[in-house]
């Protein structure tokens, strides 16, 4: 059964109705020991948290980067080797001069979180989606290291995360992800062969 970590009780019901076990964890304020306790009995971690579009650049460091780093460390301490991280497309590219400071902080936080994960000893996979939408799932994506920027549904991102989680041939791989015309499982097969 998947375990969903949420920061407030209000998020519990919807996730439980989807079949997840729900545990509370405020990743900005939780200790490393709190993270370890939240990860109890888990065999893999999918880090998909984000500070959101609230205009608060500090939350990009505390959630997108800090939450990832604490999750990496707690997973390591708990002996959980598999770690899949949701990042963002093109975060390794320099931020252009004049970029909004909140967006720049977001890009830097995602980039630094990816670096921390790649430097860990975990069995990692990094998925870098384009602009997320709330449209219905299409079941079709473009996935690979050189995929150009585009939109992708959150549901399709979730399908890709589920597809890569148990596949050893996706370990140590980092791929961009946008909407496309290839079924999810086939897209993962192709990317893993590439």
C-alpha atoms as a PDB file:
ATOM      1  CA  UNK A   1       0.000   0.000   0.000  1.00  0.00           C
ATOM      2  CA  UNK A   2       1.396   3.440  -0.875  1.00  0.00           C
ATOM      3  CA  UNK A   3       2.053   5.864   1.964  1.00  0.00           C
ATOM      4  CA  UNK A   4       1.243   9.529   1.349  1.00  0.00           C
ATOM      5  CA  UNK A   5       2.897  12.192   3.483  1.00  0.00           C
ATOM      6  CA  UNK A   6       0.805  15.322   3.976  1.00  0.00           C
ATOM      7  CA  UNK A   7       1.282  18.427   6.071  1.00  0.00           C
ATOM      8  CA  UNK A   8      -2.297  18.809   7.291  1.00  0.00           C
ATOM      9  CA  UNK A   9      -5.229  16.634   8.311  1.00  0.00           C
ATOM     10  CA  UNK A  10      -7.392  18.325   5.654  1.00  0.00           C
ATOM     11  CA  UNK A  11      -5.478  16.411   2.971  1.00  0.00           C
ATOM     12  CA  UNK A  12      -6.037  13.009   4.584  1.00  0.00           C
ATOM     13  CA  UNK A  13      -9.524  11.989   3.404  1.00  0.00           C
ATOM     14  CA  UNK A  14      -9.038  12.382  -0.356  1.00  0.00           C
ATOM     15  CA  UNK A  15      -5.833  10.340  -0.316  1.00  0.00           C
ATOM     16  CA  UNK A  16      -7.278   7.624   1.901  1.00  0.00           C
ATOM     17  CA  UNK A  17     -10.205   7.332  -0.519  1.00  0.00           C
ATOM     18  CA  UNK A  18      -7.638   6.629  -3.243  1.00  0.00           C
ATOM     19  CA  UNK A  19      -6.208   3.774  -1.182  1.00  0.00           C
ATOM     20  CA  UNK A  20      -3.147   5.368   0.415  1.00  0.00           C
ATOM     21  CA  UNK A  21      -2.065   5.174   4.013  1.00  0.00           C
ATOM     22  CA  UNK A  22      -1.683   8.785   5.117  1.00  0.00           C
ATOM     23  CA  UNK A  23       0.957  10.063   7.544  1.00  0.00           C
ATOM     24  CA  UNK A  24       1.453  13.643   8.693  1.00  0.00           C
ATOM     25  CA  UNK A  25       4.805  15.352   8.088  1.00  0.00           C
ATOM     26  CA  UNK A  26       5.522  19.075   7.886  1.00  0.00           C
ATOM     27  CA  UNK A  27       8.669  18.851   5.802  1.00  0.00           C
ATOM     28  CA  UNK A  28       9.697  22.436   6.482  1.00  0.00           C
ATOM     29  CA  UNK A  29       9.749  22.004  10.247  1.00  0.00           C
ATOM     30  CA  UNK A  30      10.198  18.263  10.784  1.00  0.00           C
ATOM     31  CA  UNK A  31      13.440  16.859  12.129  1.00  0.00           C
ATOM     32  CA  UNK A  32      15.453  14.155  10.415  1.00  0.00           C
ATOM     33  CA  UNK A  33      14.081  11.736  13.013  1.00  0.00           C
ATOM     34  CA  UNK A  34      10.539  12.773  12.043  1.00  0.00           C
ATOM     35  CA  UNK A  35      11.338  11.957   8.429  1.00  0.00           C
ATOM     36  CA  UNK A  36      12.742   8.562   9.410  1.00  0.00           C
ATOM     37  CA  UNK A  37       9.609   7.790  11.421  1.00  0.00           C
ATOM     38  CA  UNK A  38       7.403   8.837   8.494  1.00  0.00           C
ATOM     39  CA  UNK A  39       9.371   6.501   6.203  1.00  0.00           C
ATOM     40  CA  UNK A  40       8.956   3.483   8.537  1.00  0.00           C
ATOM     41  CA  UNK A  41       8.159   0.265   6.654  1.00  0.00           C
ATOM     42  CA  UNK A  42       8.579   1.943   3.251  1.00  0.00           C
ATOM     43  CA  UNK A  43      10.669   0.314   0.534  1.00  0.00           C
ATOM     44  CA  UNK A  44      11.014   3.357  -1.759  1.00  0.00           C
ATOM     45  CA  UNK A  45      10.602   7.123  -1.677  1.00  0.00           C
ATOM     46  CA  UNK A  46       9.001   9.334  -4.324  1.00  0.00           C
ATOM     47  CA  UNK A  47       9.793  12.961  -3.531  1.00  0.00           C
ATOM     48  CA  UNK A  48       7.250  15.170  -5.299  1.00  0.00           C
ATOM     49  CA  UNK A  49       6.820  18.027  -2.821  1.00  0.00           C
ATOM     50  CA  UNK A  50       7.028  21.634  -3.901  1.00  0.00           C
ATOM     51  CA  UNK A  51       6.664  25.049  -2.335  1.00  0.00           C
ATOM     52  CA  UNK A  52       3.922  25.956  -4.784  1.00  0.00           C
ATOM     53  CA  UNK A  53       3.150  29.216  -6.591  1.00  0.00           C
ATOM     54  CA  UNK A  54       2.848  31.296  -3.420  1.00  0.00           C
ATOM     55  CA  UNK A  55       5.454  33.918  -4.355  1.00  0.00           C
ATOM     56  CA  UNK A  56       7.591  32.975  -1.347  1.00  0.00           C
ATOM     57  CA  UNK A  57      11.137  32.365  -2.538  1.00  0.00           C
ATOM     58  CA  UNK A  58      12.278  31.110   0.881  1.00  0.00           C
ATOM     59  CA  UNK A  59       9.822  28.202   0.640  1.00  0.00           C
ATOM     60  CA  UNK A  60      11.578  27.055  -2.511  1.00  0.00           C
ATOM     61  CA  UNK A  61      14.700  26.478  -0.391  1.00  0.00           C
ATOM     62  CA  UNK A  62      12.879  24.961   2.592  1.00  0.00           C
ATOM     63  CA  UNK A  63      10.471  22.714   0.649  1.00  0.00           C
ATOM     64  CA  UNK A  64      11.892  21.960  -2.806  1.00  0.00           C
ATOM     65  CA  UNK A  65      15.514  21.717  -1.643  1.00  0.00           C
ATOM     66  CA  UNK A  66      15.376  21.238   2.131  1.00  0.00           C
ATOM     67  CA  UNK A  67      12.614  18.645   1.976  1.00  0.00           C
ATOM     68  CA  UNK A  68      14.502  16.708  -0.669  1.00  0.00           C
ATOM     69  CA  UNK A  69      17.803  16.788   1.217  1.00  0.00           C
ATOM     70  CA  UNK A  70      16.155  15.663   4.475  1.00  0.00           C
ATOM     71  CA  UNK A  71      14.334  12.900   2.588  1.00  0.00           C
ATOM     72  CA  UNK A  72      17.590  11.716   0.997  1.00  0.00           C
ATOM     73  CA  UNK A  73      19.348  11.660   4.351  1.00  0.00           C
ATOM     74  CA  UNK A  74      16.460   9.966   6.157  1.00  0.00           C
ATOM     75  CA  UNK A  75      16.138   7.345   3.414  1.00  0.00           C
ATOM     76  CA  UNK A  76      19.864   6.652   3.669  1.00  0.00           C
ATOM     77  CA  UNK A  77      19.697   6.315   7.455  1.00  0.00           C
ATOM     78  CA  UNK A  78      16.615   4.080   7.220  1.00  0.00           C
ATOM     79  CA  UNK A  79      18.230   1.786   4.642  1.00  0.00           C
ATOM     80  CA  UNK A  80      15.734   2.703   1.900  1.00  0.00           C
ATOM     81  CA  UNK A  81      17.713   2.575  -1.339  1.00  0.00           C
ATOM     82  CA  UNK A  82      15.149   3.443  -4.038  1.00  0.00           C
ATOM     83  CA  UNK A  83      14.445   7.154  -4.487  1.00  0.00           C
ATOM     84  CA  UNK A  84      12.544   8.801  -7.349  1.00  0.00           C
ATOM     85  CA  UNK A  85      12.479  12.584  -7.445  1.00  0.00           C
ATOM     86  CA  UNK A  86      10.245  14.998  -9.324  1.00  0.00           C
ATOM     87  CA  UNK A  87      12.296  17.967 -10.481  1.00  0.00           C
ATOM     88  CA  UNK A  88      11.610  20.432 -13.301  1.00  0.00           C
ATOM     89  CA  UNK A  89      12.665  20.614 -16.918  1.00  0.00           C
ATOM     90  CA  UNK A  90      15.824  22.581 -17.817  1.00  0.00           C
ATOM     91  CA  UNK A  91      16.928  23.371 -14.251  1.00  0.00           C
ATOM     92  CA  UNK A  92      20.582  22.759 -15.149  1.00  0.00           C
ATOM     93  CA  UNK A  93      20.497  25.655 -17.605  1.00  0.00           C
ATOM     94  CA  UNK A  94      21.570  29.091 -16.307  1.00  0.00           C
ATOM     95  CA  UNK A  95      18.709  31.332 -15.231  1.00  0.00           C
ATOM     96  CA  UNK A  96      18.543  34.288 -17.663  1.00  0.00           C
ATOM     97  CA  UNK A  97      19.287  37.765 -16.345  1.00  0.00           C
ATOM     98  CA  UNK A  98      16.114  39.547 -15.271  1.00  0.00           C
ATOM     99  CA  UNK A  99      14.301  36.329 -14.287  1.00  0.00           C
ATOM    100  CA  UNK A 100      11.723  36.773 -11.533  1.00  0.00           C
ATOM    101  CA  UNK A 101      13.497  36.105  -8.218  1.00  0.00           C
ATOM    102  CA  UNK A 102      10.919  33.564  -7.028  1.00  0.00           C
ATOM    103  CA  UNK A 103      11.223  31.568 -10.260  1.00  0.00           C
ATOM    104  CA  UNK A 104      15.024  31.774 -10.045  1.00  0.00           C
ATOM    105  CA  UNK A 105      14.894  30.477  -6.458  1.00  0.00           C
ATOM    106  CA  UNK A 106      12.653  27.601  -7.580  1.00  0.00           C
ATOM    107  CA  UNK A 107      14.984  26.615 -10.429  1.00  0.00           C
ATOM    108  CA  UNK A 108      18.048  26.796  -8.166  1.00  0.00           C
ATOM    109  CA  UNK A 109      16.341  24.740  -5.446  1.00  0.00           C
ATOM    110  CA  UNK A 110      15.316  22.005  -7.900  1.00  0.00           C
ATOM    111  CA  UNK A 111      18.795  21.996  -9.466  1.00  0.00           C
ATOM    112  CA  UNK A 112      20.503  21.707  -6.078  1.00  0.00           C
ATOM    113  CA  UNK A 113      18.097  18.969  -4.948  1.00  0.00           C
ATOM    114  CA  UNK A 114      18.938  16.988  -8.085  1.00  0.00           C
ATOM    115  CA  UNK A 115      22.657  17.419  -7.432  1.00  0.00           C
ATOM    116  CA  UNK A 116      22.225  16.201  -3.847  1.00  0.00           C
ATOM    117  CA  UNK A 117      20.341  13.125  -5.037  1.00  0.00           C
ATOM    118  CA  UNK A 118      22.831  12.301  -7.798  1.00  0.00           C
ATOM    119  CA  UNK A 119      25.673  12.577  -5.258  1.00  0.00           C
ATOM    120  CA  UNK A 120      23.925  10.238  -2.807  1.00  0.00           C
ATOM    121  CA  UNK A 121      24.430   6.492  -2.684  1.00  0.00           C
ATOM    122  CA  UNK A 122      20.752   5.887  -3.343  1.00  0.00           C
ATOM    123  CA  UNK A 123      19.281   4.087  -6.356  1.00  0.00           C
ATOM    124  CA  UNK A 124      17.889   7.290  -7.847  1.00  0.00           C
ATOM    125  CA  UNK A 125      15.791   8.342 -10.812  1.00  0.00           C
ATOM    126  CA  UNK A 126      15.006  12.002 -11.554  1.00  0.00           C
ATOM    127  CA  UNK A 127      11.936  12.928 -13.595  1.00  0.00           C
ATOM    128  CA  UNK A 128      11.876  16.522 -14.881  1.00  0.00           C
ATOM    129  CA  UNK A 129       8.391  17.467 -16.066  1.00  0.00           C
ATOM    130  CA  UNK A 130       7.509  20.531 -18.071  1.00  0.00           C
ATOM    131  CA  UNK A 131       4.696  22.868 -17.056  1.00  0.00           C
ATOM    132  CA  UNK A 132       2.166  20.884 -15.027  1.00  0.00           C
ATOM    133  CA  UNK A 133      -1.531  20.988 -15.874  1.00  0.00           C
ATOM    134  CA  UNK A 134      -4.626  19.624 -14.158  1.00  0.00           C
ATOM    135  CA  UNK A 135      -6.043  18.236 -17.419  1.00  0.00           C
ATOM    136  CA  UNK A 136      -7.141  14.577 -17.491  1.00  0.00           C
ATOM    137  CA  UNK A 137      -4.473  11.939 -18.056  1.00  0.00           C
ATOM    138  CA  UNK A 138      -3.652  11.173 -21.673  1.00  0.00           C
ATOM    139  CA  UNK A 139      -1.533   8.095 -20.997  1.00  0.00           C
ATOM    140  CA  UNK A 140       0.883   9.373 -23.644  1.00  0.00           C
ATOM    141  CA  UNK A 141       4.139  11.233 -23.051  1.00  0.00           C
ATOM    142  CA  UNK A 142       7.538  12.194 -24.402  1.00  0.00           C
ATOM    143  CA  UNK A 143      10.323  11.067 -22.044  1.00  0.00           C
ATOM    144  CA  UNK A 144      14.072  11.354 -22.464  1.00  0.00           C
ATOM    145  CA  UNK A 145      17.189  13.388 -21.715  1.00  0.00           C
ATOM    146  CA  UNK A 146      16.691  15.849 -24.568  1.00  0.00           C
ATOM    147  CA  UNK A 147      12.907  16.282 -24.664  1.00  0.00           C
ATOM    148  CA  UNK A 148      11.980  19.916 -25.312  1.00  0.00           C
ATOM    149  CA  UNK A 149       9.952  22.011 -22.884  1.00  0.00           C
ATOM    150  CA  UNK A 150       6.169  21.574 -22.997  1.00  0.00           C
ATOM    151  CA  UNK A 151       3.114  20.872 -20.875  1.00  0.00           C
ATOM    152  CA  UNK A 152       2.279  17.608 -19.137  1.00  0.00           C
ATOM    153  CA  UNK A 153      -0.646  16.565 -16.981  1.00  0.00           C
ATOM    154  CA  UNK A 154      -0.020  15.830 -13.321  1.00  0.00           C
ATOM    155  CA  UNK A 155      -1.783  12.498 -13.837  1.00  0.00           C
ATOM    156  CA  UNK A 156       0.648  11.541 -16.612  1.00  0.00           C
ATOM    157  CA  UNK A 157       3.574  12.486 -14.373  1.00  0.00           C
ATOM    158  CA  UNK A 158       2.148  10.189 -11.685  1.00  0.00           C
ATOM    159  CA  UNK A 159       1.838   7.368 -14.232  1.00  0.00           C
ATOM    160  CA  UNK A 160       5.499   7.765 -15.218  1.00  0.00           C
ATOM    161  CA  UNK A 161       6.570   7.775 -11.562  1.00  0.00           C
ATOM    162  CA  UNK A 162       4.670   4.543 -10.988  1.00  0.00           C
ATOM    163  CA  UNK A 163       6.164   3.038 -14.144  1.00  0.00           C
ATOM    164  CA  UNK A 164       9.804   3.764 -13.237  1.00  0.00           C
ATOM    165  CA  UNK A 165       9.631   2.937  -9.529  1.00  0.00           C
ATOM    166  CA  UNK A 166      10.202  -0.828  -9.723  1.00  0.00           C
ATOM    167  CA  UNK A 167      12.433  -0.860 -12.792  1.00  0.00           C
ATOM    168  CA  UNK A 168      16.174  -1.335 -12.157  1.00  0.00           C
ATOM    169  CA  UNK A 169      16.929  -0.081 -15.682  1.00  0.00           C
ATOM    170  CA  UNK A 170      15.708   3.399 -14.689  1.00  0.00           C
ATOM    171  CA  UNK A 171      18.187   3.759 -11.805  1.00  0.00           C
ATOM    172  CA  UNK A 172      20.799   6.459 -12.297  1.00  0.00           C
ATOM    173  CA  UNK A 173      18.729   8.080 -15.055  1.00  0.00           C
ATOM    174  CA  UNK A 174      17.432  11.632 -15.409  1.00  0.00           C
ATOM    175  CA  UNK A 175      14.749  12.397 -17.982  1.00  0.00           C
ATOM    176  CA  UNK A 176      12.631  15.308 -19.135  1.00  0.00           C
ATOM    177  CA  UNK A 177       8.913  14.609 -19.369  1.00  0.00           C
ATOM    178  CA  UNK A 178       6.187  16.367 -21.363  1.00  0.00           C
ATOM    179  CA  UNK A 179       2.955  15.379 -23.035  1.00  0.00           C
ATOM    180  CA  UNK A 180       3.492  13.333 -26.172  1.00  0.00           C
ATOM    181  CA  UNK A 181       2.192  10.520 -28.324  1.00  0.00           C
ATOM    182  CA  UNK A 182       3.931   7.462 -26.855  1.00  0.00           C
ATOM    183  CA  UNK A 183       2.136   5.298 -24.265  1.00  0.00           C
ATOM    184  CA  UNK A 184       3.747   5.639 -20.818  1.00  0.00           C
ATOM    185  CA  UNK A 185       5.152   2.096 -20.546  1.00  0.00           C
ATOM    186  CA  UNK A 186       6.584   2.243 -24.063  1.00  0.00           C
ATOM    187  CA  UNK A 187       8.094   5.684 -23.369  1.00  0.00           C
ATOM    188  CA  UNK A 188       9.820   4.323 -20.268  1.00  0.00           C
ATOM    189  CA  UNK A 189      11.057   1.286 -22.253  1.00  0.00           C
ATOM    190  CA  UNK A 190      12.505   3.549 -24.939  1.00  0.00           C
ATOM    191  CA  UNK A 191      14.127   5.925 -22.454  1.00  0.00           C
ATOM    192  CA  UNK A 192      15.666   3.055 -20.516  1.00  0.00           C
ATOM    193  CA  UNK A 193      17.166   1.606 -23.713  1.00  0.00           C
ATOM    194  CA  UNK A 194      18.509   5.002 -24.816  1.00  0.00           C
END
